[in-house]
PDB file of N, CA and C in Angstrom:
ATOM      1  N   MET A   1      70.129  22.983  49.520  1.00  0.00           N
ATOM      2  CA  MET A   1      69.800  24.155  50.316  1.00  0.00           C
ATOM      3  C   MET A   1      68.294  24.185  50.573  1.00  0.00           C
ATOM      4  N   LYS A   2      67.919  24.231  51.806  1.00  0.00           N
ATOM      5  CA  LYS A   2      66.513  24.240  52.185  1.00  0.00           C
ATOM      6  C   LYS A   2      66.016  25.677  52.252  1.00  0.00           C
ATOM      7  N   THR A   3      64.841  25.911  51.669  1.00  0.00           N
ATOM      8  CA  THR A   3      64.294  27.266  51.686  1.00  0.00           C
ATOM      9  C   THR A   3      63.148  27.365  52.682  1.00  0.00           C
ATOM     10  N   HIS A   4      62.816  28.580  52.998  1.00  0.00           N
ATOM     11  CA  HIS A   4      61.700  28.824  53.916  1.00  0.00           C
ATOM     12  C   HIS A   4      60.428  29.180  53.146  1.00  0.00           C
ATOM     13  N   ARG A   5      60.496  29.137  51.840  1.00  0.00           N
ATOM     14  CA  ARG A   5      59.349  29.534  51.012  1.00  0.00           C
ATOM     15  C   ARG A   5      58.091  28.709  51.300  1.00  0.00           C
ATOM     16  N   PRO A   6      58.162  27.372  51.410  1.00  0.00           N
ATOM     17  CA  PRO A   6      56.928  26.624  51.720  1.00  0.00           C
ATOM     18  C   PRO A   6      56.256  27.093  53.011  1.00  0.00           C
ATOM     19  N   ALA A   7      57.040  27.400  54.029  1.00  0.00           N
ATOM     20  CA  ALA A   7      56.460  27.874  55.287  1.00  0.00           C
ATOM     21  C   ALA A   7      55.808  29.240  55.102  1.00  0.00           C
ATOM     22  N   ARG A   8      56.448  30.116  54.324  1.00  0.00           N
ATOM     23  CA  ARG A   8      55.873  31.446  54.082  1.00  0.00           C
ATOM     24  C   ARG A   8      54.584  31.344  53.276  1.00  0.00           C
ATOM     25  N   VAL A   9      54.592  30.497  52.257  1.00  0.00           N
ATOM     26  CA  VAL A   9      53.378  30.303  51.444  1.00  0.00           C
ATOM     27  C   VAL A   9      52.280  29.680  52.300  1.00  0.00           C
ATOM     28  N   GLY A  10      52.641  28.730  53.157  1.00  0.00           N
ATOM     29  CA  GLY A  10      51.665  28.117  54.055  1.00  0.00           C
ATOM     30  C   GLY A  10      51.025  29.141  54.982  1.00  0.00           C
ATOM     31  N   GLU A  11      51.814  30.057  55.495  1.00  0.00           N
ATOM     32  CA  GLU A  11      51.282  31.102  56.369  1.00  0.00           C
ATOM     33  C   GLU A  11      50.345  32.034  55.598  1.00  0.00           C
ATOM     34  N   LEU A  12      50.698  32.358  54.359  1.00  0.00           N
ATOM     35  CA  LEU A  12      49.810  33.196  53.537  1.00  0.00           C
ATOM     36  C   LEU A  12      48.484  32.489  53.277  1.00  0.00           C
ATOM     37  N   ILE A  13      48.555  31.199  52.965  1.00  0.00           N
ATOM     38  CA  ILE A  13      47.334  30.421  52.720  1.00  0.00           C
ATOM     39  C   ILE A  13      46.496  30.362  53.997  1.00  0.00           C
ATOM     40  N   ARG A  14      47.142  30.133  55.142  1.00  0.00           N
ATOM     41  CA  ARG A  14      46.415  30.069  56.416  1.00  0.00           C
ATOM     42  C   ARG A  14      45.660  31.369  56.677  1.00  0.00           C
ATOM     43  N   ARG A  15      46.318  32.486  56.460  1.00  0.00           N
ATOM     44  CA  ARG A  15      45.659  33.781  56.671  1.00  0.00           C
ATOM     45  C   ARG A  15      44.467  33.976  55.748  1.00  0.00           C
ATOM     46  N   GLU A  16      44.637  33.650  54.477  1.00  0.00           N
ATOM     47  CA  GLU A  16      43.562  33.870  53.506  1.00  0.00           C
ATOM     48  C   GLU A  16      42.364  32.965  53.771  1.00  0.00           C
ATOM     49  N   VAL A  17      42.617  31.688  54.074  1.00  0.00           N
ATOM     50  CA  VAL A  17      41.507  30.768  54.338  1.00  0.00           C
ATOM     51  C   VAL A  17      40.807  31.160  55.640  1.00  0.00           C
ATOM     52  N   SER A  18      41.578  31.580  56.639  1.00  0.00           N
ATOM     53  CA  SER A  18      40.966  32.060  57.889  1.00  0.00           C
ATOM     54  C   SER A  18      40.074  33.258  57.618  1.00  0.00           C
ATOM     55  N   ASP A  19      40.545  34.162  56.778  1.00  0.00           N
ATOM     56  CA  ASP A  19      39.751  35.337  56.417  1.00  0.00           C
ATOM     57  C   ASP A  19      38.467  34.931  55.695  1.00  0.00           C
ATOM     58  N   MET A  20      38.569  33.961  54.796  1.00  0.00           N
ATOM     59  CA  MET A  20      37.378  33.479  54.082  1.00  0.00           C
ATOM     60  C   MET A  20      36.371  32.860  55.048  1.00  0.00           C
ATOM     61  N   LEU A  21      36.866  32.133  56.049  1.00  0.00           N
ATOM     62  CA  LEU A  21      35.968  31.505  57.027  1.00  0.00           C
ATOM     63  C   LEU A  21      35.274  32.543  57.903  1.00  0.00           C
ATOM     64  N   LEU A  22      35.982  33.609  58.234  1.00  0.00           N
ATOM     65  CA  LEU A  22      35.420  34.621  59.125  1.00  0.00           C
ATOM     66  C   LEU A  22      34.482  35.588  58.418  1.00  0.00           C
ATOM     67  N   ARG A  23      34.855  36.040  57.243  1.00  0.00           N
ATOM     68  CA  ARG A  23      34.175  37.174  56.661  1.00  0.00           C
ATOM     69  C   ARG A  23      33.386  36.893  55.390  1.00  0.00           C
ATOM     70  N   GLU A  24      33.699  35.835  54.701  1.00  0.00           N
ATOM     71  CA  GLU A  24      33.162  35.731  53.348  1.00  0.00           C
ATOM     72  C   GLU A  24      32.349  34.479  53.087  1.00  0.00           C
ATOM     73  N   GLN A  25      32.445  34.005  51.872  1.00  0.00           N
ATOM     74  CA  GLN A  25      31.588  32.941  51.349  1.00  0.00           C
ATOM     75  C   GLN A  25      31.638  31.656  52.153  1.00  0.00           C
ATOM     76  N   LEU A  26      32.749  31.315  52.741  1.00  0.00           N
ATOM     77  CA  LEU A  26      32.851  30.050  53.465  1.00  0.00           C
ATOM     78  C   LEU A  26      32.121  30.082  54.795  1.00  0.00           C
ATOM     79  N   ARG A  27      31.712  31.241  55.217  1.00  0.00           N
ATOM     80  CA  ARG A  27      31.002  31.360  56.491  1.00  0.00           C
ATOM     81  C   ARG A  27      29.733  30.505  56.493  1.00  0.00           C
ATOM     82  N   SER A  28      29.017  30.480  55.378  1.00  0.00           N
ATOM     83  CA  SER A  28      27.777  29.707  55.311  1.00  0.00           C
ATOM     84  C   SER A  28      28.047  28.201  55.241  1.00  0.00           C
ATOM     85  N   LEU A  29      29.206  27.803  54.729  1.00  0.00           N
ATOM     86  CA  LEU A  29      29.515  26.376  54.595  1.00  0.00           C
ATOM     87  C   LEU A  29      29.807  25.701  55.921  1.00  0.00           C
ATOM     88  N   ARG A  30      30.253  26.456  56.890  1.00  0.00           N
ATOM     89  CA  ARG A  30      30.639  25.829  58.141  1.00  0.00           C
ATOM     90  C   ARG A  30      29.454  25.471  59.017  1.00  0.00           C
ATOM     91  N   GLY A  31      28.258  25.910  58.670  1.00  0.00           N
ATOM     92  CA  GLY A  31      27.066  25.566  59.430  1.00  0.00           C
ATOM     93  C   GLY A  31      27.093  26.190  60.802  1.00  0.00           C
ATOM     94  N   SER A  32      26.682  25.421  61.806  1.00  0.00           N
ATOM     95  CA  SER A  32      26.634  25.955  63.156  1.00  0.00           C
ATOM     96  C   SER A  32      27.935  25.720  63.921  1.00  0.00           C
ATOM     97  N   SER A  33      28.926  25.146  63.271  1.00  0.00           N
ATOM     98  CA  SER A  33      30.202  24.865  63.928  1.00  0.00           C
ATOM     99  C   SER A  33      31.149  26.049  63.813  1.00  0.00           C
ATOM    100  N   MET A  34      32.041  26.124  64.774  1.00  0.00           N
ATOM    101  CA  MET A  34      33.106  27.110  64.711  1.00  0.00           C
ATOM    102  C   MET A  34      34.308  26.416  64.081  1.00  0.00           C
ATOM    103  N   VAL A  35      34.814  26.970  62.985  1.00  0.00           N
ATOM    104  CA  VAL A  35      35.926  26.370  62.255  1.00  0.00           C
ATOM    105  C   VAL A  35      37.100  27.333  62.296  1.00  0.00           C
ATOM    106  N   SER A  36      38.281  26.807  62.603  1.00  0.00           N
ATOM    107  CA  SER A  36      39.482  27.636  62.549  1.00  0.00           C
ATOM    108  C   SER A  36      40.607  26.849  61.889  1.00  0.00           C
ATOM    109  N   VAL A  37      41.458  27.564  61.176  1.00  0.00           N
ATOM    110  CA  VAL A  37      42.597  26.949  60.512  1.00  0.00           C
ATOM    111  C   VAL A  37      43.732  26.885  61.523  1.00  0.00           C
ATOM    112  N   THR A  38      44.227  25.676  61.795  1.00  0.00           N
ATOM    113  CA  THR A  38      45.285  25.512  62.786  1.00  0.00           C
ATOM    114  C   THR A  38      46.667  25.479  62.155  1.00  0.00           C
ATOM    115  N   ASP A  39      46.772  24.972  60.936  1.00  0.00           N
ATOM    116  CA  ASP A  39      48.078  24.871  60.295  1.00  0.00           C
ATOM    117  C   ASP A  39      47.886  24.622  58.801  1.00  0.00           C
ATOM    118  N   VAL A  40      48.922  24.917  58.035  1.00  0.00           N
ATOM    119  CA  VAL A  40      48.950  24.593  56.608  1.00  0.00           C
ATOM    120  C   VAL A  40      50.326  24.025  56.308  1.00  0.00           C
ATOM    121  N   GLU A  41      50.352  22.856  55.704  1.00  0.00           N
ATOM    122  CA  GLU A  41      51.608  22.241  55.284  1.00  0.00           C
ATOM    123  C   GLU A  41      51.679  22.300  53.766  1.00  0.00           C
ATOM    124  N   VAL A  42      52.731  22.914  53.253  1.00  0.00           N
ATOM    125  CA  VAL A  42      52.936  23.040  51.815  1.00  0.00           C
ATOM    126  C   VAL A  42      54.167  22.225  51.447  1.00  0.00           C
ATOM    127  N   THR A  43      54.071  21.458  50.361  1.00  0.00           N
ATOM    128  CA  THR A  43      55.210  20.665  49.913  1.00  0.00           C
ATOM    129  C   THR A  43      56.320  21.585  49.418  1.00  0.00           C
ATOM    130  N   GLY A  44      57.527  21.057  49.350  1.00  0.00           N
ATOM    131  CA  GLY A  44      58.691  21.837  48.930  1.00  0.00           C
ATOM    132  C   GLY A  44      58.582  22.418  47.536  1.00  0.00           C
ATOM    133  N   ASP A  45      57.853  21.727  46.649  1.00  0.00           N
ATOM    134  CA  ASP A  45      57.686  22.244  45.290  1.00  0.00           C
ATOM    135  C   ASP A  45      56.469  23.155  45.149  1.00  0.00           C
ATOM    136  N   LEU A  46      55.791  23.427  46.261  1.00  0.00           N
ATOM    137  CA  LEU A  46      54.620  24.320  46.314  1.00  0.00           C
ATOM    138  C   LEU A  46      53.451  23.824  45.472  1.00  0.00           C
ATOM    139  N   ARG A  47      53.382  22.530  45.216  1.00  0.00           N
ATOM    140  CA  ARG A  47      52.303  21.977  44.380  1.00  0.00           C
ATOM    141  C   ARG A  47      51.104  21.489  45.182  1.00  0.00           C
ATOM    142  N   GLN A  48      51.293  21.174  46.458  1.00  0.00           N
ATOM    143  CA  GLN A  48      50.200  20.663  47.276  1.00  0.00           C
ATOM    144  C   GLN A  48      50.219  21.316  48.649  1.00  0.00           C
ATOM    145  N   ALA A  49      49.023  21.526  49.187  1.00  0.00           N
ATOM    146  CA  ALA A  49      48.898  22.112  50.525  1.00  0.00           C
ATOM    147  C   ALA A  49      47.811  21.377  51.294  1.00  0.00           C
ATOM    148  N   LYS A  50      48.131  20.994  52.518  1.00  0.00           N
ATOM    149  CA  LYS A  50      47.144  20.417  53.428  1.00  0.00           C
ATOM    150  C   LYS A  50      46.753  21.517  54.401  1.00  0.00           C
ATOM    151  N   ILE A  51      45.454  21.786  54.468  1.00  0.00           N
ATOM    152  CA  ILE A  51      44.938  22.802  55.377  1.00  0.00           C
ATOM    153  C   ILE A  51      44.287  22.084  56.547  1.00  0.00           C
ATOM    154  N   PHE A  52      44.882  22.227  57.723  1.00  0.00           N
ATOM    155  CA  PHE A  52      44.373  21.580  58.926  1.00  0.00           C
ATOM    156  C   PHE A  52      43.376  22.513  59.597  1.00  0.00           C
ATOM    157  N   VAL A  53      42.174  21.991  59.852  1.00  0.00           N
ATOM    158  CA  VAL A  53      41.124  22.795  60.470  1.00  0.00           C
ATOM    159  C   VAL A  53      40.644  22.123  61.745  1.00  0.00           C
ATOM    160  N   SER A  54      40.372  22.954  62.739  1.00  0.00           N
ATOM    161  CA  SER A  54      39.794  22.494  63.991  1.00  0.00           C
ATOM    162  C   SER A  54      38.324  22.903  63.962  1.00  0.00           C
ATOM    163  N   ILE A  55      37.441  21.940  64.206  1.00  0.00           N
ATOM    164  CA  ILE A  55      36.004  22.188  64.120  1.00  0.00           C
ATOM    165  C   ILE A  55      35.377  21.901  65.478  1.00  0.00           C
ATOM    166  N   PHE A  56      34.758  22.921  66.059  1.00  0.00           N
ATOM    167  CA  PHE A  56      34.094  22.785  67.349  1.00  0.00           C
ATOM    168  C   PHE A  56      32.602  22.631  67.125  1.00  0.00           C
ATOM    169  N   GLY A  57      32.011  21.671  67.801  1.00  0.00           N
ATOM    170  CA  GLY A  57      30.578  21.433  67.675  1.00  0.00           C
ATOM    171  C   GLY A  57      30.282  19.966  67.864  1.00  0.00           C
ATOM    172  N   THR A  58      29.045  19.604  67.625  1.00  0.00           N
ATOM    173  CA  THR A  58      28.641  18.206  67.737  1.00  0.00           C
ATOM    174  C   THR A  58      29.271  17.406  66.600  1.00  0.00           C
ATOM    175  N   PRO A  59      29.379  16.102  66.738  1.00  0.00           N
ATOM    176  CA  PRO A  59      29.934  15.293  65.648  1.00  0.00           C
ATOM    177  C   PRO A  59      29.179  15.477  64.323  1.00  0.00           C
ATOM    178  N   GLU A  60      27.857  15.664  64.408  1.00  0.00           N
ATOM    179  CA  GLU A  60      27.076  15.868  63.189  1.00  0.00           C
ATOM    180  C   GLU A  60      27.420  17.202  62.534  1.00  0.00           C
ATOM    181  N   SER A  61      27.545  18.257  63.344  1.00  0.00           N
ATOM    182  CA  SER A  61      27.876  19.561  62.776  1.00  0.00           C
ATOM    183  C   SER A  61      29.319  19.591  62.278  1.00  0.00           C
ATOM    184  N   GLN A  62      30.199  18.817  62.918  1.00  0.00           N
ATOM    185  CA  GLN A  62      31.579  18.720  62.428  1.00  0.00           C
ATOM    186  C   GLN A  62      31.615  18.060  61.052  1.00  0.00           C
ATOM    187  N   ALA A  63      30.828  16.987  60.898  1.00  0.00           N
ATOM    188  CA  ALA A  63      30.774  16.293  59.606  1.00  0.00           C
ATOM    189  C   ALA A  63      30.195  17.200  58.527  1.00  0.00           C
ATOM    190  N   THR A  64      29.171  17.972  58.878  1.00  0.00           N
ATOM    191  CA  THR A  64      28.569  18.905  57.927  1.00  0.00           C
ATOM    192  C   THR A  64      29.576  19.969  57.499  1.00  0.00           C
ATOM    193  N   ALA A  65      30.286  20.516  58.471  1.00  0.00           N
ATOM    194  CA  ALA A  65      31.284  21.551  58.172  1.00  0.00           C
ATOM    195  C   ALA A  65      32.408  20.983  57.313  1.00  0.00           C
ATOM    196  N   MET A  66      32.858  19.785  57.623  1.00  0.00           N
ATOM    197  CA  MET A  66      33.943  19.169  56.854  1.00  0.00           C
ATOM    198  C   MET A  66      33.517  18.887  55.421  1.00  0.00           C
ATOM    199  N   SER A  67      32.303  18.381  55.231  1.00  0.00           N
ATOM    200  CA  SER A  67      31.840  18.119  53.865  1.00  0.00           C
ATOM    201  C   SER A  67      31.654  19.425  53.097  1.00  0.00           C
ATOM    202  N   GLY A  68      31.215  20.493  53.781  1.00  0.00           N
ATOM    203  CA  GLY A  68      31.102  21.795  53.133  1.00  0.00           C
ATOM    204  C   GLY A  68      32.444  22.325  52.683  1.00  0.00           C
ATOM    205  N   LEU A  69      33.469  22.141  53.518  1.00  0.00           N
ATOM    206  CA  LEU A  69      34.810  22.579  53.143  1.00  0.00           C
ATOM    207  C   LEU A  69      35.350  21.771  51.965  1.00  0.00           C
ATOM    208  N   GLU A  70      35.107  20.461  51.989  1.00  0.00           N
ATOM    209  CA  GLU A  70      35.571  19.617  50.888  1.00  0.00           C
ATOM    210  C   GLU A  70      34.900  20.001  49.579  1.00  0.00           C
ATOM    211  N   GLU A  71      33.605  20.350  49.636  1.00  0.00           N
ATOM    212  CA  GLU A  71      32.900  20.779  48.431  1.00  0.00           C
ATOM    213  C   GLU A  71      33.414  22.114  47.915  1.00  0.00           C
ATOM    214  N   ALA A  72      33.938  22.942  48.809  1.00  0.00           N
ATOM    215  CA  ALA A  72      34.411  24.274  48.436  1.00  0.00           C
ATOM    216  C   ALA A  72      35.891  24.292  48.050  1.00  0.00           C
ATOM    217  N   THR A  73      36.515  23.137  47.946  1.00  0.00           N
ATOM    218  CA  THR A  73      37.951  23.066  47.676  1.00  0.00           C
ATOM    219  C   THR A  73      38.353  23.833  46.421  1.00  0.00           C
ATOM    220  N   SER A  74      37.635  23.633  45.318  1.00  0.00           N
ATOM    221  CA  SER A  74      38.019  24.322  44.074  1.00  0.00           C
ATOM    222  C   SER A  74      37.829  25.834  44.197  1.00  0.00           C
ATOM    223  N   PHE A  75      36.768  26.270  44.887  1.00  0.00           N
ATOM    224  CA  PHE A  75      36.562  27.701  45.102  1.00  0.00           C
ATOM    225  C   PHE A  75      37.687  28.292  45.946  1.00  0.00           C
ATOM    226  N   VAL A  76      38.046  27.591  47.021  1.00  0.00           N
ATOM    227  CA  VAL A  76      39.108  28.076  47.907  1.00  0.00           C
ATOM    228  C   VAL A  76      40.425  28.157  47.148  1.00  0.00           C
ATOM    229  N   ARG A  77      40.720  27.158  46.342  1.00  0.00           N
ATOM    230  CA  ARG A  77      41.958  27.168  45.554  1.00  0.00           C
ATOM    231  C   ARG A  77      41.976  28.344  44.584  1.00  0.00           C
ATOM    232  N   GLN A  78      40.849  28.585  43.945  1.00  0.00           N
ATOM    233  CA  GLN A  78      40.750  29.710  43.017  1.00  0.00           C
ATOM    234  C   GLN A  78      40.968  31.039  43.744  1.00  0.00           C
ATOM    235  N   GLU A  79      40.363  31.193  44.909  1.00  0.00           N
ATOM    236  CA  GLU A  79      40.519  32.429  45.681  1.00  0.00           C
ATOM    237  C   GLU A  79      41.956  32.602  46.175  1.00  0.00           C
ATOM    238  N   ILE A  80      42.590  31.506  46.584  1.00  0.00           N
ATOM    239  CA  ILE A  80      43.987  31.578  47.015  1.00  0.00           C
ATOM    240  C   ILE A  80      44.860  32.059  45.855  1.00  0.00           C
ATOM    241  N   GLY A  81      44.627  31.493  44.677  1.00  0.00           N
ATOM    242  CA  GLY A  81      45.390  31.904  43.503  1.00  0.00           C
ATOM    243  C   GLY A  81      45.194  33.372  43.168  1.00  0.00           C
ATOM    244  N   ARG A  82      43.982  33.854  43.321  1.00  0.00           N
ATOM    245  CA  ARG A  82      43.691  35.257  43.004  1.00  0.00           C
ATOM    246  C   ARG A  82      44.308  36.189  44.037  1.00  0.00           C
ATOM    247  N   ARG A  83      44.244  35.812  45.297  1.00  0.00           N
ATOM    248  CA  ARG A  83      44.711  36.691  46.369  1.00  0.00           C
ATOM    249  C   ARG A  83      46.228  36.680  46.550  1.00  0.00           C
ATOM    250  N   ILE A  84      46.847  35.521  46.461  1.00  0.00           N
ATOM    251  CA  ILE A  84      48.281  35.411  46.736  1.00  0.00           C
ATOM    252  C   ILE A  84      49.112  35.617  45.473  1.00  0.00           C
ATOM    253  N   ARG A  85      48.571  35.296  44.341  1.00  0.00           N
ATOM    254  CA  ARG A  85      49.244  35.469  43.051  1.00  0.00           C
ATOM    255  C   ARG A  85      50.546  34.677  42.960  1.00  0.00           C
ATOM    256  N   LEU A  86      50.408  33.390  43.059  1.00  0.00           N
ATOM    257  CA  LEU A  86      51.532  32.486  42.880  1.00  0.00           C
ATOM    258  C   LEU A  86      51.595  32.055  41.420  1.00  0.00           C
ATOM    259  N   ARG A  87      52.765  31.646  40.977  1.00  0.00           N
ATOM    260  CA  ARG A  87      52.899  31.147  39.611  1.00  0.00           C
ATOM    261  C   ARG A  87      52.014  29.918  39.428  1.00  0.00           C
ATOM    262  N   TYR A  88      52.011  29.066  40.427  1.00  0.00           N
ATOM    263  CA  TYR A  88      51.185  27.863  40.391  1.00  0.00           C
ATOM    264  C   TYR A  88      50.465  27.770  41.734  1.00  0.00           C
ATOM    265  N   THR A  89      49.148  27.721  41.694  1.00  0.00           N
ATOM    266  CA  THR A  89      48.366  27.602  42.921  1.00  0.00           C
ATOM    267  C   THR A  89      48.347  26.142  43.349  1.00  0.00           C
ATOM    268  N   PRO A  90      48.717  25.862  44.581  1.00  0.00           N
ATOM    269  CA  PRO A  90      48.786  24.458  45.017  1.00  0.00           C
ATOM    270  C   PRO A  90      47.413  23.788  45.063  1.00  0.00           C
ATOM    271  N   GLU A  91      47.424  22.485  44.818  1.00  0.00           N
ATOM    272  CA  GLU A  91      46.233  21.672  45.044  1.00  0.00           C
ATOM    273  C   GLU A  91      46.035  21.645  46.550  1.00  0.00           C
ATOM    274  N   ILE A  92      44.805  21.827  46.998  1.00  0.00           N
ATOM    275  CA  ILE A  92      44.577  21.866  48.438  1.00  0.00           C
ATOM    276  C   ILE A  92      43.685  20.722  48.886  1.00  0.00           C
ATOM    277  N   SER A  93      43.848  20.371  50.142  1.00  0.00           N
ATOM    278  CA  SER A  93      42.957  19.401  50.780  1.00  0.00           C
ATOM    279  C   SER A  93      42.773  19.835  52.226  1.00  0.00           C
ATOM    280  N   PHE A  94      41.581  19.600  52.735  1.00  0.00           N
ATOM    281  CA  PHE A  94      41.277  19.931  54.115  1.00  0.00           C
ATOM    282  C   PHE A  94      41.408  18.680  54.964  1.00  0.00           C
ATOM    283  N   VAL A  95      42.039  18.820  56.131  1.00  0.00           N
ATOM    284  CA  VAL A  95      42.229  17.721  57.062  1.00  0.00           C
ATOM    285  C   VAL A  95      41.747  18.196  58.424  1.00  0.00           C
ATOM    286  N   GLN A  96      40.894  17.401  59.059  1.00  0.00           N
ATOM    287  CA  GLN A  96      40.395  17.788  60.374  1.00  0.00           C
ATOM    288  C   GLN A  96      41.468  17.536  61.423  1.00  0.00           C
ATOM    289  N   ASP A  97      41.799  18.567  62.168  1.00  0.00           N
ATOM    290  CA  ASP A  97      42.806  18.508  63.222  1.00  0.00           C
ATOM    291  C   ASP A  97      42.099  18.167  64.528  1.00  0.00           C
ATOM    292  N   ARG A  98      42.383  17.011  65.069  1.00  0.00           N
ATOM    293  CA  ARG A  98      41.721  16.551  66.291  1.00  0.00           C
ATOM    294  C   ARG A  98      42.630  16.654  67.520  1.00  0.00           C
ATOM    295  N   SER A  99      43.718  17.392  67.406  1.00  0.00           N
ATOM    296  CA  SER A  99      44.663  17.470  68.523  1.00  0.00           C
ATOM    297  C   SER A  99      44.055  18.129  69.757  1.00  0.00           C
ATOM    298  N   LEU A 100      43.175  19.116  69.566  1.00  0.00           N
ATOM    299  CA  LEU A 100      42.542  19.750  70.732  1.00  0.00           C
ATOM    300  C   LEU A 100      41.628  18.780  71.461  1.00  0.00           C
ATOM    301  N   GLU A 101      40.900  17.946  70.706  1.00  0.00           N
ATOM    302  CA  GLU A 101      40.036  16.939  71.323  1.00  0.00           C
ATOM    303  C   GLU A 101      40.863  15.938  72.120  1.00  0.00           C
ATOM    304  N   ARG A 102      41.977  15.506  71.526  1.00  0.00           N
ATOM    305  CA  ARG A 102      42.839  14.542  72.212  1.00  0.00           C
ATOM    306  C   ARG A 102      43.431  15.154  73.480  1.00  0.00           C
ATOM    307  N   GLY A 103      43.835  16.409  73.384  1.00  0.00           N
ATOM    308  CA  GLY A 103      44.379  17.098  74.558  1.00  0.00           C
ATOM    309  C   GLY A 103      43.357  17.204  75.675  1.00  0.00           C
ATOM    310  N   ALA A 104      42.115  17.521  75.317  1.00  0.00           N
ATOM    311  CA  ALA A 104      41.053  17.620  76.325  1.00  0.00           C
ATOM    312  C   ALA A 104      40.793  16.257  76.966  1.00  0.00           C
ATOM    313  N   MET A 105      40.825  15.204  76.158  1.00  0.00           N
ATOM    314  CA  MET A 105      40.599  13.866  76.687  1.00  0.00           C
ATOM    315  C   MET A 105      41.725  13.467  77.649  1.00  0.00           C
ATOM    316  N   ILE A 106      42.958  13.767  77.293  1.00  0.00           N
ATOM    317  CA  ILE A 106      44.090  13.460  78.171  1.00  0.00           C
ATOM    318  C   ILE A 106      43.979  14.252  79.469  1.00  0.00           C
ATOM    319  N   ASN A 107      43.577  15.516  79.353  1.00  0.00           N
ATOM    320  CA  ASN A 107      43.407  16.352  80.545  1.00  0.00           C
ATOM    321  C   ASN A 107      42.338  15.772  81.472  1.00  0.00           C
ATOM    322  N   GLU A 108      41.235  15.285  80.905  1.00  0.00           N
ATOM    323  CA  GLU A 108      40.188  14.662  81.710  1.00  0.00           C
ATOM    324  C   GLU A 108      40.699  13.410  82.419  1.00  0.00           C
ATOM    325  N   LEU A 109      41.496  12.609  81.696  1.00  0.00           N
ATOM    326  CA  LEU A 109      42.053  11.405  82.307  1.00  0.00           C
ATOM    327  C   LEU A 109      42.980  11.750  83.464  1.00  0.00           C
ATOM    328  N   ILE A 110      43.804  12.756  83.276  1.00  0.00           N
ATOM    329  CA  ILE A 110      44.721  13.174  84.343  1.00  0.00           C
ATOM    330  C   ILE A 110      43.937  13.674  85.544  1.00  0.00           C
ATOM    331  N   ASN A 111      42.905  14.467  85.292  1.00  0.00           N
ATOM    332  CA  ASN A 111      42.100  15.004  86.395  1.00  0.00           C
ATOM    333  C   ASN A 111      41.278  13.929  87.100  1.00  0.00           C
ATOM    334  N   SER A 112      41.002  12.827  86.425  1.00  0.00           N
ATOM    335  CA  SER A 112      40.191  11.779  87.040  1.00  0.00           C
ATOM    336  C   SER A 112      40.990  10.906  88.007  1.00  0.00           C
ATOM    337  N   VAL A 113      42.311  10.953  87.908  1.00  0.00           N
ATOM    338  CA  VAL A 113      43.149  10.176  88.817  1.00  0.00           C
ATOM    339  C   VAL A 113      43.175  10.885  90.166  1.00  0.00           C
ATOM    340  N   ARG A 114      42.863  10.143  91.213  1.00  0.00           N
ATOM    341  CA  ARG A 114      42.821  10.735  92.552  1.00  0.00           C
ATOM    342  C   ARG A 114      44.233  11.005  93.072  1.00  0.00           C
ATOM    343  N   PRO A 115      44.407  12.064  93.859  1.00  0.00           N
ATOM    344  CA  PRO A 115      45.737  12.390  94.393  1.00  0.00           C
ATOM    345  C   PRO A 115      46.366  11.261  95.196  1.00  0.00           C
ATOM    346  N   THR A 116      45.558  10.475  95.916  1.00  0.00           N
ATOM    347  CA  THR A 116      46.136   9.382  96.708  1.00  0.00           C
ATOM    348  C   THR A 116      46.711   8.296  95.798  1.00  0.00           C
ATOM    349  N   GLU A 117      46.065   8.064  94.661  1.00  0.00           N
ATOM    350  CA  GLU A 117      46.578   7.078  93.719  1.00  0.00           C
ATOM    351  C   GLU A 117      47.902   7.546  93.126  1.00  0.00           C
ATOM    352  N   ILE A 118      48.007   8.840  92.895  1.00  0.00           N
ATOM    353  CA  ILE A 118      49.252   9.384  92.372  1.00  0.00           C
ATOM    354  C   ILE A 118      50.353   9.248  93.413  1.00  0.00           C
ATOM    355  N   ALA A 119      50.025   9.549  94.670  1.00  0.00           N
ATOM    356  CA  ALA A 119      51.014   9.445  95.742  1.00  0.00           C
ATOM    357  C   ALA A 119      51.499   8.002  95.903  1.00  0.00           C
ATOM    358  N   LYS A 120      50.610   7.021  95.752  1.00  0.00           N
ATOM    359  CA  LYS A 120      50.999   5.620  95.866  1.00  0.00           C
ATOM    360  C   LYS A 120      51.905   5.204  94.708  1.00  0.00           C
ATOM    361  N   ALA A 121      51.690   5.795  93.561  1.00  0.00           N
ATOM    362  CA  ALA A 121      52.467   5.420  92.388  1.00  0.00           C
ATOM    363  C   ALA A 121      53.886   5.977  92.429  1.00  0.00           C
ATOM    364  N   ILE A 122      54.103   7.042  93.177  1.00  0.00           N
ATOM    365  CA  ILE A 122      55.430   7.650  93.266  1.00  0.00           C
ATOM    366  C   ILE A 122      56.153   7.041  94.455  1.00  0.00           C
ATOM    367  N   PRO A 123      57.278   6.368  94.221  1.00  0.00           N
ATOM    368  CA  PRO A 123      57.998   5.768  95.338  1.00  0.00           C
ATOM    369  C   PRO A 123      58.638   6.856  96.220  1.00  0.00           C
ATOM    370  N   GLU A 124      58.567   6.602  97.523  1.00  0.00           N
ATOM    371  CA  GLU A 124      59.163   7.561  98.456  1.00  0.00           C
ATOM    372  C   GLU A 124      60.674   7.372  98.461  1.00  0.00           C
ATOM    373  N   GLU A 125      61.377   8.498  98.552  1.00  0.00           N
ATOM    374  CA  GLU A 125      62.840   8.425  98.607  1.00  0.00           C
ATOM    375  C   GLU A 125      63.263   8.000 100.002  1.00  0.00           C
ATOM    376  N   GLU A 126      64.250   7.186 100.047  1.00  0.00           N
ATOM    377  CA  GLU A 126      64.772   6.736 101.337  1.00  0.00           C
ATOM    378  C   GLU A 126      65.573   7.883 101.959  1.00  0.00           C
ATOM    379  N   GLU A 127      65.362   8.056 103.228  1.00  0.00           N
ATOM    380  CA  GLU A 127      66.066   9.123 103.920  1.00  0.00           C
ATOM    381  C   GLU A 127      67.497   8.711 104.160  1.00  0.00           C
ATOM    382  N   GLU A 128      68.399   9.678 103.925  1.00  0.00           N
ATOM    383  CA  GLU A 128      69.818   9.417 104.164  1.00  0.00           C
ATOM    384  C   GLU A 128      70.165   9.815 105.579  1.00  0.00           C
ATOM    385  N   GLU A 129      71.043   9.065 106.192  1.00  0.00           N
ATOM    386  CA  GLU A 129      71.436   9.372 107.561  1.00  0.00           C
ATOM    387  C   GLU A 129      72.714  10.137 107.593  1.00  0.00           C
TER     388      GLU A 129
END
């Protein structure tokens, strides 16, 4: 029987870490970058959680923000345990989510293709008599 508990715990963790990034101690760790939590994946046994973060800024500021988050892992885990009150607080790791960057790159590629090239690539349907 599959439970929905990992998803619920993941959502609670996402909310708490987002709150920490916006209002509290983690605000200084992110540097000049804007950091947002995009997703949290929690294992079925609730022992591990991957926190996916999207970081906007220059590559240097992204690296600074990511290293700051990695250094704050034990603090974040402690705060999650205090706020959510789970029997066992999951081990956490931060993973940079680059899906928005990839989406923007794909969008640029699509926009760079000229309409005439697209028209040539689409075969015309033969007219029926």
